[in-house]
Structure formats: C-alpha cells, structure tokens
PDB file of N, CA and C in Angstrom:
ATOM      1  N   MET A   1    -126.797 220.805  19.682  1.00  0.00           N
ATOM      2  CA  MET A   1    -125.772 219.810  19.460  1.00  0.00           C
ATOM      3  C   MET A   1    -126.205 218.882  18.323  1.00  0.00           C
ATOM      4  N   ILE A   2    -125.344 218.710  17.355  1.00  0.00           N
ATOM      5  CA  ILE A   2    -125.627 217.809  16.242  1.00  0.00           C
ATOM      6  C   ILE A   2    -125.088 216.433  16.603  1.00  0.00           C
ATOM      7  N   LYS A   3    -125.888 215.393  16.344  1.00  0.00           N
ATOM      8  CA  LYS A   3    -125.536 214.027  16.716  1.00  0.00           C
ATOM      9  C   LYS A   3    -125.262 213.203  15.478  1.00  0.00           C
ATOM     10  N   LYS A   4    -124.369 212.202  15.615  1.00  0.00           N
ATOM     11  CA  LYS A   4    -124.081 211.288  14.514  1.00  0.00           C
ATOM     12  C   LYS A   4    -124.997 210.098  14.615  1.00  0.00           C
ATOM     13  N   ILE A   5    -125.426 209.592  13.452  1.00  0.00           N
ATOM     14  CA  ILE A   5    -126.238 208.383  13.421  1.00  0.00           C
ATOM     15  C   ILE A   5    -125.544 207.311  12.609  1.00  0.00           C
ATOM     16  N   ILE A   6    -125.908 206.072  12.899  1.00  0.00           N
ATOM     17  CA  ILE A   6    -125.346 204.896  12.256  1.00  0.00           C
ATOM     18  C   ILE A   6    -126.481 204.099  11.635  1.00  0.00           C
ATOM     19  N   LEU A   7    -126.280 203.561  10.452  1.00  0.00           N
ATOM     20  CA  LEU A   7    -127.219 202.641   9.815  1.00  0.00           C
ATOM     21  C   LEU A   7    -126.683 201.241  10.031  1.00  0.00           C
ATOM     22  N   GLY A   8    -127.391 200.444  10.808  1.00  0.00           N
ATOM     23  CA  GLY A   8    -126.967 199.075  11.073  1.00  0.00           C
ATOM     24  C   GLY A   8    -127.819 198.098  10.292  1.00  0.00           C
ATOM     25  N   ILE A   9    -127.220 196.995   9.921  1.00  0.00           N
ATOM     26  CA  ILE A   9    -127.940 195.927   9.243  1.00  0.00           C
ATOM     27  C   ILE A   9    -127.654 194.655  10.014  1.00  0.00           C
ATOM     28  N   CYS A  10    -128.706 193.912  10.345  1.00  0.00           N
ATOM     29  CA  CYS A  10    -128.540 192.683  11.118  1.00  0.00           C
ATOM     30  C   CYS A  10    -127.649 191.706  10.362  1.00  0.00           C
ATOM     31  N   LEU A  11    -126.704 191.111  11.064  1.00  0.00           N
ATOM     32  CA  LEU A  11    -125.832 190.113  10.464  1.00  0.00           C
ATOM     33  C   LEU A  11    -126.464 188.733  10.474  1.00  0.00           C
ATOM     34  N   SER A  12    -127.277 188.449  11.498  1.00  0.00           N
ATOM     35  CA  SER A  12    -127.891 187.133  11.583  1.00  0.00           C
ATOM     36  C   SER A  12    -129.388 187.238  11.351  1.00  0.00           C
ATOM     37  N   GLY A  13    -129.942 186.286  10.677  1.00  0.00           N
ATOM     38  CA  GLY A  13    -131.372 186.269  10.430  1.00  0.00           C
ATOM     39  C   GLY A  13    -131.850 187.402   9.537  1.00  0.00           C
ATOM     40  N   THR A  14    -130.972 187.929   8.724  1.00  0.00           N
ATOM     41  CA  THR A  14    -131.335 189.069   7.900  1.00  0.00           C
ATOM     42  C   THR A  14    -132.340 188.705   6.826  1.00  0.00           C
ATOM     43  N   CYS A  15    -132.133 187.611   6.158  1.00  0.00           N
ATOM     44  CA  CYS A  15    -133.057 187.202   5.111  1.00  0.00           C
ATOM     45  C   CYS A  15    -133.916 186.062   5.615  1.00  0.00           C
ATOM     46  N   CYS A  16    -135.189 186.283   5.613  1.00  0.00           N
ATOM     47  CA  CYS A  16    -136.125 185.264   6.083  1.00  0.00           C
ATOM     48  C   CYS A  16    -136.328 184.213   4.999  1.00  0.00           C
ATOM     49  N   LEU A  17    -136.647 182.995   5.425  1.00  0.00           N
ATOM     50  CA  LEU A  17    -136.939 181.931   4.468  1.00  0.00           C
ATOM     51  C   LEU A  17    -138.413 181.995   4.106  1.00  0.00           C
ATOM     52  N   SER A  18    -138.773 183.006   3.357  1.00  0.00           N
ATOM     53  CA  SER A  18    -140.151 183.177   2.917  1.00  0.00           C
ATOM     54  C   SER A  18    -140.142 183.552   1.447  1.00  0.00           C
ATOM     55  N   ALA A  19    -141.325 183.749   0.890  1.00  0.00           N
ATOM     56  CA  ALA A  19    -141.416 184.130  -0.515  1.00  0.00           C
ATOM     57  C   ALA A  19    -140.703 185.453  -0.772  1.00  0.00           C
ATOM     58  N   GLN A  20    -140.843 186.389   0.146  1.00  0.00           N
ATOM     59  CA  GLN A  20    -140.187 187.692   0.012  1.00  0.00           C
ATOM     60  C   GLN A  20    -139.025 187.764   0.996  1.00  0.00           C
ATOM     61  N   LYS A  21    -137.825 187.882   0.492  1.00  0.00           N
ATOM     62  CA  LYS A  21    -136.664 188.024   1.365  1.00  0.00           C
ATOM     63  C   LYS A  21    -136.610 189.457   1.873  1.00  0.00           C
ATOM     64  N   MET A  22    -136.250 189.613   3.144  1.00  0.00           N
ATOM     65  CA  MET A  22    -136.234 190.924   3.777  1.00  0.00           C
ATOM     66  C   MET A  22    -134.865 191.181   4.394  1.00  0.00           C
ATOM     67  N   VAL A  23    -134.511 192.434   4.478  1.00  0.00           N
ATOM     68  CA  VAL A  23    -133.319 192.858   5.190  1.00  0.00           C
ATOM     69  C   VAL A  23    -133.793 193.815   6.278  1.00  0.00           C
ATOM     70  N   SER A  24    -133.212 193.703   7.459  1.00  0.00           N
ATOM     71  CA  SER A  24    -133.640 194.551   8.560  1.00  0.00           C
ATOM     72  C   SER A  24    -132.432 195.084   9.299  1.00  0.00           C
ATOM     73  N   GLY A  25    -132.656 196.120  10.071  1.00  0.00           N
ATOM     74  CA  GLY A  25    -131.575 196.705  10.841  1.00  0.00           C
ATOM     75  C   GLY A  25    -132.087 197.820  11.725  1.00  0.00           C
ATOM     76  N   VAL A  26    -131.173 198.641  12.176  1.00  0.00           N
ATOM     77  CA  VAL A  26    -131.520 199.721  13.093  1.00  0.00           C
ATOM     78  C   VAL A  26    -130.690 200.959  12.768  1.00  0.00           C
ATOM     79  N   VAL A  27    -131.326 202.119  12.875  1.00  0.00           N
ATOM     80  CA  VAL A  27    -130.629 203.395  12.780  1.00  0.00           C
ATOM     81  C   VAL A  27    -130.531 203.899  14.214  1.00  0.00           C
ATOM     82  N   PHE A  28    -129.326 204.200  14.679  1.00  0.00           N
ATOM     83  CA  PHE A  28    -129.156 204.594  16.065  1.00  0.00           C
ATOM     84  C   PHE A  28    -128.171 205.739  16.224  1.00  0.00           C
ATOM     85  N   GLU A  29    -128.294 206.404  17.357  1.00  0.00           N
ATOM     86  CA  GLU A  29    -127.409 207.502  17.718  1.00  0.00           C
ATOM     87  C   GLU A  29    -126.129 206.899  18.279  1.00  0.00           C
ATOM     88  N   ASP A  30    -125.016 207.153  17.648  1.00  0.00           N
ATOM     89  CA  ASP A  30    -123.733 206.582  18.071  1.00  0.00           C
ATOM     90  C   ASP A  30    -123.067 207.545  19.054  1.00  0.00           C
ATOM     91  N   ALA A  31    -123.521 207.511  20.312  1.00  0.00           N
ATOM     92  CA  ALA A  31    -123.078 208.476  21.327  1.00  0.00           C
ATOM     93  C   ALA A  31    -121.568 208.479  21.530  1.00  0.00           C
ATOM     94  N   ASN A  32    -120.943 207.310  21.539  1.00  0.00           N
ATOM     95  CA  ASN A  32    -119.492 207.254  21.764  1.00  0.00           C
ATOM     96  C   ASN A  32    -118.690 207.168  20.467  1.00  0.00           C
ATOM     97  N   GLU A  33    -119.382 207.245  19.333  1.00  0.00           N
ATOM     98  CA  GLU A  33    -118.762 207.278  18.003  1.00  0.00           C
ATOM     99  C   GLU A  33    -117.817 206.113  17.717  1.00  0.00           C
ATOM    100  N   ASN A  34    -118.203 204.899  18.207  1.00  0.00           N
ATOM    101  CA  ASN A  34    -117.363 203.732  17.928  1.00  0.00           C
ATOM    102  C   ASN A  34    -117.918 202.871  16.793  1.00  0.00           C
ATOM    103  N   GLY A  35    -119.069 203.266  16.219  1.00  0.00           N
ATOM    104  CA  GLY A  35    -119.640 202.547  15.092  1.00  0.00           C
ATOM    105  C   GLY A  35    -120.396 201.291  15.455  1.00  0.00           C
ATOM    106  N   LYS A  36    -120.606 201.022  16.746  1.00  0.00           N
ATOM    107  CA  LYS A  36    -121.313 199.820  17.193  1.00  0.00           C
ATOM    108  C   LYS A  36    -122.475 200.204  18.092  1.00  0.00           C
ATOM    109  N   LYS A  37    -123.605 199.508  17.925  1.00  0.00           N
ATOM    110  CA  LYS A  37    -124.769 199.769  18.776  1.00  0.00           C
ATOM    111  C   LYS A  37    -124.556 199.122  20.133  1.00  0.00           C
ATOM    112  N   GLU A  38    -124.689 199.931  21.151  1.00  0.00           N
ATOM    113  CA  GLU A  38    -124.576 199.439  22.521  1.00  0.00           C
ATOM    114  C   GLU A  38    -125.895 199.680  23.228  1.00  0.00           C
ATOM    115  N   ARG A  39    -126.131 198.969  24.318  1.00  0.00           N
ATOM    116  CA  ARG A  39    -127.421 199.032  25.017  1.00  0.00           C
ATOM    117  C   ARG A  39    -127.884 200.441  25.329  1.00  0.00           C
ATOM    118  N   ARG A  40    -126.992 201.288  25.739  1.00  0.00           N
ATOM    119  CA  ARG A  40    -127.384 202.641  26.149  1.00  0.00           C
ATOM    120  C   ARG A  40    -127.606 203.582  24.967  1.00  0.00           C
ATOM    121  N   GLU A  41    -127.267 203.153  23.761  1.00  0.00           N
ATOM    122  CA  GLU A  41    -127.449 203.996  22.582  1.00  0.00           C
ATOM    123  C   GLU A  41    -128.839 203.758  21.992  1.00  0.00           C
ATOM    124  N   LYS A  42    -129.608 204.828  21.920  1.00  0.00           N
ATOM    125  CA  LYS A  42    -131.007 204.702  21.492  1.00  0.00           C
ATOM    126  C   LYS A  42    -131.150 204.727  19.977  1.00  0.00           C
ATOM    127  N   GLY A  43    -132.176 204.018  19.528  1.00  0.00           N
ATOM    128  CA  GLY A  43    -132.531 204.048  18.122  1.00  0.00           C
ATOM    129  C   GLY A  43    -133.191 205.376  17.789  1.00  0.00           C
ATOM    130  N   VAL A  44    -133.160 205.733  16.510  1.00  0.00           N
ATOM    131  CA  VAL A  44    -133.751 206.995  16.065  1.00  0.00           C
ATOM    132  C   VAL A  44    -134.969 206.670  15.211  1.00  0.00           C
ATOM    133  N   GLY A  45    -136.140 207.121  15.652  1.00  0.00           N
ATOM    134  CA  GLY A  45    -137.384 206.859  14.952  1.00  0.00           C
ATOM    135  C   GLY A  45    -137.653 207.857  13.838  1.00  0.00           C
ATOM    136  N   LYS A  46    -138.523 207.446  12.925  1.00  0.00           N
ATOM    137  CA  LYS A  46    -138.984 208.271  11.806  1.00  0.00           C
ATOM    138  C   LYS A  46    -137.853 208.719  10.879  1.00  0.00           C
ATOM    139  N   VAL A  47    -136.864 207.846  10.680  1.00  0.00           N
ATOM    140  CA  VAL A  47    -135.775 208.107   9.736  1.00  0.00           C
ATOM    141  C   VAL A  47    -136.071 207.318   8.467  1.00  0.00           C
ATOM    142  N   ALA A  48    -135.983 207.958   7.311  1.00  0.00           N
ATOM    143  CA  ALA A  48    -136.231 207.288   6.031  1.00  0.00           C
ATOM    144  C   ALA A  48    -135.026 206.430   5.640  1.00  0.00           C
ATOM    145  N   VAL A  49    -135.306 205.169   5.297  1.00  0.00           N
ATOM    146  CA  VAL A  49    -134.280 204.221   4.844  1.00  0.00           C
ATOM    147  C   VAL A  49    -134.788 203.654   3.519  1.00  0.00           C
ATOM    148  N   THR A  50    -133.888 203.501   2.542  1.00  0.00           N
ATOM    149  CA  THR A  50    -134.312 203.035   1.217  1.00  0.00           C
ATOM    150  C   THR A  50    -133.388 201.949   0.680  1.00  0.00           C
ATOM    151  N   ASN A  51    -133.957 201.101  -0.167  1.00  0.00           N
ATOM    152  CA  ASN A  51    -133.174 200.103  -0.894  1.00  0.00           C
ATOM    153  C   ASN A  51    -133.042 200.496  -2.370  1.00  0.00           C
ATOM    154  N   GLY A  52    -133.413 201.728  -2.684  1.00  0.00           N
ATOM    155  CA  GLY A  52    -133.362 202.219  -4.057  1.00  0.00           C
ATOM    156  C   GLY A  52    -134.684 202.099  -4.793  1.00  0.00           C
ATOM    157  N   LYS A  53    -135.597 201.308  -4.242  1.00  0.00           N
ATOM    158  CA  LYS A  53    -136.934 201.155  -4.825  1.00  0.00           C
ATOM    159  C   LYS A  53    -138.002 201.569  -3.826  1.00  0.00           C
ATOM    160  N   GLU A  54    -137.924 200.989  -2.626  1.00  0.00           N
ATOM    161  CA  GLU A  54    -138.886 201.298  -1.575  1.00  0.00           C
ATOM    162  C   GLU A  54    -138.224 202.187  -0.524  1.00  0.00           C
ATOM    163  N   VAL A  55    -139.054 202.984   0.140  1.00  0.00           N
ATOM    164  CA  VAL A  55    -138.600 203.831   1.242  1.00  0.00           C
ATOM    165  C   VAL A  55    -139.490 203.519   2.432  1.00  0.00           C
ATOM    166  N   VAL A  56    -138.873 203.258   3.592  1.00  0.00           N
ATOM    167  CA  VAL A  56    -139.629 203.024   4.820  1.00  0.00           C
ATOM    168  C   VAL A  56    -139.107 203.960   5.898  1.00  0.00           C
ATOM    169  N   LEU A  57    -139.925 204.157   6.927  1.00  0.00           N
ATOM    170  CA  LEU A  57    -139.502 204.935   8.090  1.00  0.00           C
ATOM    171  C   LEU A  57    -139.181 203.982   9.227  1.00  0.00           C
ATOM    172  N   THR A  58    -138.151 204.299  10.004  1.00  0.00           N
ATOM    173  CA  THR A  58    -137.822 203.489  11.165  1.00  0.00           C
ATOM    174  C   THR A  58    -138.924 203.647  12.213  1.00  0.00           C
ATOM    175  N   ASN A  59    -139.105 202.613  13.042  1.00  0.00           N
ATOM    176  CA  ASN A  59    -140.074 202.708  14.118  1.00  0.00           C
ATOM    177  C   ASN A  59    -139.468 203.500  15.276  1.00  0.00           C
ATOM    178  N   LYS A  60    -140.176 203.616  16.395  1.00  0.00           N
ATOM    179  CA  LYS A  60    -139.681 204.448  17.497  1.00  0.00           C
ATOM    180  C   LYS A  60    -138.375 203.929  18.095  1.00  0.00           C
ATOM    181  N   SER A  61    -138.060 202.645  17.853  1.00  0.00           N
ATOM    182  CA  SER A  61    -136.799 202.073  18.333  1.00  0.00           C
ATOM    183  C   SER A  61    -135.687 202.153  17.293  1.00  0.00           C
ATOM    184  N   GLY A  62    -135.984 202.748  16.137  1.00  0.00           N
ATOM    185  CA  GLY A  62    -134.989 202.879  15.077  1.00  0.00           C
ATOM    186  C   GLY A  62    -134.912 201.685  14.144  1.00  0.00           C
ATOM    187  N   ARG A  63    -135.797 200.689  14.319  1.00  0.00           N
ATOM    188  CA  ARG A  63    -135.760 199.482  13.497  1.00  0.00           C
ATOM    189  C   ARG A  63    -136.461 199.708  12.157  1.00  0.00           C
ATOM    190  N   TYR A  64    -135.955 199.020  11.130  1.00  0.00           N
ATOM    191  CA  TYR A  64    -136.574 199.071   9.801  1.00  0.00           C
ATOM    192  C   TYR A  64    -136.502 197.691   9.176  1.00  0.00           C
ATOM    193  N   GLU A  65    -137.334 197.478   8.160  1.00  0.00           N
ATOM    194  CA  GLU A  65    -137.316 196.249   7.387  1.00  0.00           C
ATOM    195  C   GLU A  65    -137.670 196.609   5.950  1.00  0.00           C
ATOM    196  N   LEU A  66    -136.884 196.109   5.013  1.00  0.00           N
ATOM    197  CA  LEU A  66    -137.074 196.392   3.589  1.00  0.00           C
ATOM    198  C   LEU A  66    -136.996 195.105   2.782  1.00  0.00           C
ATOM    199  N   PRO A  67    -137.703 195.031   1.657  1.00  0.00           N
ATOM    200  CA  PRO A  67    -137.524 193.892   0.756  1.00  0.00           C
ATOM    201  C   PRO A  67    -136.081 193.849   0.254  1.00  0.00           C
ATOM    202  N   ALA A  68    -135.520 192.647   0.199  1.00  0.00           N
ATOM    203  CA  ALA A  68    -134.145 192.470  -0.258  1.00  0.00           C
ATOM    204  C   ALA A  68    -134.128 192.141  -1.742  1.00  0.00           C
ATOM    205  N   ASN A  69    -133.266 192.803  -2.467  1.00  0.00           N
ATOM    206  CA  ASN A  69    -133.077 192.556  -3.898  1.00  0.00           C
ATOM    207  C   ASN A  69    -131.763 191.822  -4.104  1.00  0.00           C
ATOM    208  N   GLU A  70    -131.505 191.373  -5.316  1.00  0.00           N
ATOM    209  CA  GLU A  70    -130.281 190.619  -5.619  1.00  0.00           C
ATOM    210  C   GLU A  70    -129.033 191.359  -5.152  1.00  0.00           C
ATOM    211  N   ASP A  71    -128.801 192.523  -5.651  1.00  0.00           N
ATOM    212  CA  ASP A  71    -127.696 193.389  -5.224  1.00  0.00           C
ATOM    213  C   ASP A  71    -128.292 194.770  -5.031  1.00  0.00           C
ATOM    214  N   MET A  72    -128.067 195.366  -3.905  1.00  0.00           N
ATOM    215  CA  MET A  72    -128.674 196.666  -3.653  1.00  0.00           C
ATOM    216  C   MET A  72    -127.827 197.478  -2.689  1.00  0.00           C
ATOM    217  N   ILE A  73    -128.153 198.730  -2.608  1.00  0.00           N
ATOM    218  CA  ILE A  73    -127.535 199.634  -1.655  1.00  0.00           C
ATOM    219  C   ILE A  73    -128.634 200.108  -0.726  1.00  0.00           C
ATOM    220  N   ILE A  74    -128.423 199.934   0.562  1.00  0.00           N
ATOM    221  CA  ILE A  74    -129.364 200.427   1.562  1.00  0.00           C
ATOM    222  C   ILE A  74    -128.796 201.728   2.091  1.00  0.00           C
ATOM    223  N   SER A  75    -129.617 202.771   2.049  1.00  0.00           N
ATOM    224  CA  SER A  75    -129.114 204.065   2.505  1.00  0.00           C
ATOM    225  C   SER A  75    -130.138 204.759   3.387  1.00  0.00           C
ATOM    226  N   VAL A  76    -129.641 205.698   4.166  1.00  0.00           N
ATOM    227  CA  VAL A  76    -130.467 206.467   5.074  1.00  0.00           C
ATOM    228  C   VAL A  76    -130.552 207.896   4.559  1.00  0.00           C
ATOM    229  N   ILE A  77    -131.702 208.508   4.740  1.00  0.00           N
ATOM    230  CA  ILE A  77    -131.877 209.916   4.404  1.00  0.00           C
ATOM    231  C   ILE A  77    -131.717 210.681   5.705  1.00  0.00           C
ATOM    232  N   LYS A  78    -130.674 211.472   5.794  1.00  0.00           N
ATOM    233  CA  LYS A  78    -130.282 212.132   7.033  1.00  0.00           C
ATOM    234  C   LYS A  78    -131.393 213.009   7.584  1.00  0.00           C
ATOM    235  N   PRO A  79    -131.787 212.730   8.848  1.00  0.00           N
ATOM    236  CA  PRO A  79    -132.815 213.580   9.459  1.00  0.00           C
ATOM    237  C   PRO A  79    -132.224 214.890   9.977  1.00  0.00           C
ATOM    238  N   SER A  80    -133.074 215.877  10.138  1.00  0.00           N
ATOM    239  CA  SER A  80    -132.654 217.172  10.679  1.00  0.00           C
ATOM    240  C   SER A  80    -132.064 216.994  12.074  1.00  0.00           C
ATOM    241  N   GLY A  81    -131.002 217.721  12.378  1.00  0.00           N
ATOM    242  CA  GLY A  81    -130.382 217.659  13.696  1.00  0.00           C
ATOM    243  C   GLY A  81    -129.307 216.601  13.831  1.00  0.00           C
ATOM    244  N   TYR A  82    -129.052 215.857  12.760  1.00  0.00           N
ATOM    245  CA  TYR A  82    -128.041 214.808  12.780  1.00  0.00           C
ATOM    246  C   TYR A  82    -127.034 215.049  11.658  1.00  0.00           C
ATOM    247  N   VAL A  83    -125.845 214.482  11.809  1.00  0.00           N
ATOM    248  CA  VAL A  83    -124.843 214.494  10.747  1.00  0.00           C
ATOM    249  C   VAL A  83    -124.538 213.046  10.385  1.00  0.00           C
ATOM    250  N   VAL A  84    -124.086 212.861   9.186  1.00  0.00           N
ATOM    251  CA  VAL A  84    -123.700 211.532   8.721  1.00  0.00           C
ATOM    252  C   VAL A  84    -122.292 211.251   9.215  1.00  0.00           C
ATOM    253  N   ALA A  85    -122.081 210.061   9.753  1.00  0.00           N
ATOM    254  CA  ALA A  85    -120.744 209.665  10.203  1.00  0.00           C
ATOM    255  C   ALA A  85    -119.790 209.647   9.008  1.00  0.00           C
ATOM    256  N   THR A  86    -118.522 209.800   9.281  1.00  0.00           N
ATOM    257  CA  THR A  86    -117.502 209.769   8.226  1.00  0.00           C
ATOM    258  C   THR A  86    -116.493 208.668   8.518  1.00  0.00           C
ATOM    259  N   ASN A  87    -115.801 208.223   7.481  1.00  0.00           N
ATOM    260  CA  ASN A  87    -114.758 207.212   7.662  1.00  0.00           C
ATOM    261  C   ASN A  87    -113.433 207.916   7.977  1.00  0.00           C
ATOM    262  N   PRO A  88    -112.349 207.181   8.184  1.00  0.00           N
ATOM    263  CA  PRO A  88    -111.061 207.822   8.510  1.00  0.00           C
ATOM    264  C   PRO A  88    -110.562 208.813   7.452  1.00  0.00           C
ATOM    265  N   ASP A  89    -111.053 208.680   6.213  1.00  0.00           N
ATOM    266  CA  ASP A  89    -110.676 209.622   5.151  1.00  0.00           C
ATOM    267  C   ASP A  89    -111.634 210.807   5.082  1.00  0.00           C
ATOM    268  N   ASN A  90    -112.530 210.907   6.065  1.00  0.00           N
ATOM    269  CA  ASN A  90    -113.500 211.996   6.180  1.00  0.00           C
ATOM    270  C   ASN A  90    -114.566 211.971   5.071  1.00  0.00           C
ATOM    271  N   LEU A  91    -114.826 210.793   4.516  1.00  0.00           N
ATOM    272  CA  LEU A  91    -115.876 210.651   3.508  1.00  0.00           C
ATOM    273  C   LEU A  91    -117.176 210.243   4.190  1.00  0.00           C
ATOM    274  N   PRO A  92    -118.305 210.867   3.817  1.00  0.00           N
ATOM    275  CA  PRO A  92    -119.583 210.529   4.446  1.00  0.00           C
ATOM    276  C   PRO A  92    -119.974 209.083   4.190  1.00  0.00           C
ATOM    277  N   GLN A  93    -120.521 208.442   5.216  1.00  0.00           N
ATOM    278  CA  GLN A  93    -120.888 207.035   5.141  1.00  0.00           C
ATOM    279  C   GLN A  93    -122.373 206.898   5.432  1.00  0.00           C
ATOM    280  N   PHE A  94    -123.204 206.948   4.405  1.00  0.00           N
ATOM    281  CA  PHE A  94    -124.645 206.925   4.592  1.00  0.00           C
ATOM    282  C   PHE A  94    -125.317 205.711   3.955  1.00  0.00           C
ATOM    283  N   PHE A  95    -124.539 204.684   3.588  1.00  0.00           N
ATOM    284  CA  PHE A  95    -125.129 203.516   2.940  1.00  0.00           C
ATOM    285  C   PHE A  95    -124.337 202.260   3.265  1.00  0.00           C
ATOM    286  N   ARG A  96    -124.954 201.126   2.954  1.00  0.00           N
ATOM    287  CA  ARG A  96    -124.286 199.830   2.998  1.00  0.00           C
ATOM    288  C   ARG A  96    -124.653 199.080   1.731  1.00  0.00           C
ATOM    289  N   GLU A  97    -123.683 198.401   1.156  1.00  0.00           N
ATOM    290  CA  GLU A  97    -123.945 197.564  -0.013  1.00  0.00           C
ATOM    291  C   GLU A  97    -124.413 196.205   0.486  1.00  0.00           C
ATOM    292  N   TRP A  98    -125.342 195.602  -0.219  1.00  0.00           N
ATOM    293  CA  TRP A  98    -125.937 194.340   0.202  1.00  0.00           C
ATOM    294  C   TRP A  98    -126.068 193.405  -0.985  1.00  0.00           C
ATOM    295  N   SER A  99    -125.838 192.115  -0.774  1.00  0.00           N
ATOM    296  CA  SER A  99    -125.987 191.121  -1.819  1.00  0.00           C
ATOM    297  C   SER A  99    -126.650 189.885  -1.222  1.00  0.00           C
ATOM    298  N   LEU A 100    -127.700 189.382  -1.859  1.00  0.00           N
ATOM    299  CA  LEU A 100    -128.343 188.155  -1.375  1.00  0.00           C
ATOM    300  C   LEU A 100    -127.393 186.986  -1.540  1.00  0.00           C
ATOM    301  N   PRO A 101    -127.426 185.992  -0.716  1.00  0.00           N
ATOM    302  CA  PRO A 101    -128.392 185.743   0.335  1.00  0.00           C
ATOM    303  C   PRO A 101    -127.987 186.320   1.686  1.00  0.00           C
ATOM    304  N   GLY A 102    -127.330 187.411   1.713  1.00  0.00           N
ATOM    305  CA  GLY A 102    -127.004 188.033   2.986  1.00  0.00           C
ATOM    306  C   GLY A 102    -125.523 188.289   3.154  1.00  0.00           C
ATOM    307  N   ASN A 103    -124.803 188.363   2.066  1.00  0.00           N
ATOM    308  CA  ASN A 103    -123.369 188.611   2.143  1.00  0.00           C
ATOM    309  C   ASN A 103    -123.099 190.105   2.071  1.00  0.00           C
ATOM    310  N   TYR A 104    -122.375 190.614   3.043  1.00  0.00           N
ATOM    311  CA  TYR A 104    -121.981 192.017   2.996  1.00  0.00           C
ATOM    312  C   TYR A 104    -120.939 192.213   1.912  1.00  0.00           C
ATOM    313  N   LEU A 105    -121.087 193.280   1.165  1.00  0.00           N
ATOM    314  CA  LEU A 105    -120.052 193.655   0.211  1.00  0.00           C
ATOM    315  C   LEU A 105    -119.079 194.611   0.885  1.00  0.00           C
ATOM    316  N   ASN A 106    -119.549 195.315   1.904  1.00  0.00           N
ATOM    317  CA  ASN A 106    -118.701 196.237   2.654  1.00  0.00           C
ATOM    318  C   ASN A 106    -119.265 196.356   4.049  1.00  0.00           C
ATOM    319  N   ARG A 107    -118.562 195.854   5.039  1.00  0.00           N
ATOM    320  CA  ARG A 107    -119.067 195.854   6.411  1.00  0.00           C
ATOM    321  C   ARG A 107    -118.701 197.092   7.195  1.00  0.00           C
ATOM    322  N   SER A 108    -117.865 197.961   6.669  1.00  0.00           N
ATOM    323  CA  SER A 108    -117.346 199.063   7.474  1.00  0.00           C
ATOM    324  C   SER A 108    -117.996 200.406   7.218  1.00  0.00           C
ATOM    325  N   ILE A 109    -119.079 200.449   6.479  1.00  0.00           N
ATOM    326  CA  ILE A 109    -119.705 201.740   6.154  1.00  0.00           C
ATOM    327  C   ILE A 109    -120.678 202.134   7.251  1.00  0.00           C
ATOM    328  N   LEU A 110    -120.501 203.338   7.750  1.00  0.00           N
ATOM    329  CA  LEU A 110    -121.314 203.859   8.838  1.00  0.00           C
ATOM    330  C   LEU A 110    -122.181 205.008   8.350  1.00  0.00           C
ATOM    331  N   VAL A 111    -123.231 205.263   9.096  1.00  0.00           N
ATOM    332  CA  VAL A 111    -124.064 206.438   8.821  1.00  0.00           C
ATOM    333  C   VAL A 111    -124.190 207.227  10.093  1.00  0.00           C
TER     334      VAL A 111
END
C-alpha cells in the first residue's frame, strides 16, 4: 500500500529570535487525507527536507528544522513507499513557499 505524506510548517514560533532564524515543521502520514496533522497520524522519519541550500533528515517523529532565508521554497524529497499528495487539479504538492519573518506565501500546498 502506498501512503500519502504531508509537509507541515509550524505556524507559530516558526522563526526564533536568535542570530540564525529557523523554520521547523513535520512530515507526516496523512491517513485520512484531509491535509491536517491529527494526533493519531504519525510522523515519518528519515525524510529529506530542503530549503534549496541545506538538506536535513526528519527525526523519528517526522520533525525537521532548517535555516530560514529571506524568500525560499521548502520541499520534501519523496521517500520510497509514499506518494506526493495532489491538489484538486491533480497537481503534485511537494513544497511550501516561505517568506521571512514567517509569512506564508501559499498555505494550501500539501506533500
């Protein structure tokens, strides 16, 4: 069975007030395919997530943290055994656009 995954980005506390601004989130299995992380939906570990410069792997809970740039695209590299979620037009949704200091450019993109 192939499972769909979602790339989530925290809406609150995303950019820390430190010298290096960070963006964090979770990659999770969207069991009910509603695009929202729910308690029973588990995170997916060892998934590569990139901001276009750095690449990190999610931890066992599916969490990741990346340095935040002025304007960037955060994307996931699809792991084996999973498919990328699609939007209503059937277009693959494997990234989110991001702009400091934490404003979403597009909140509806799923992975």
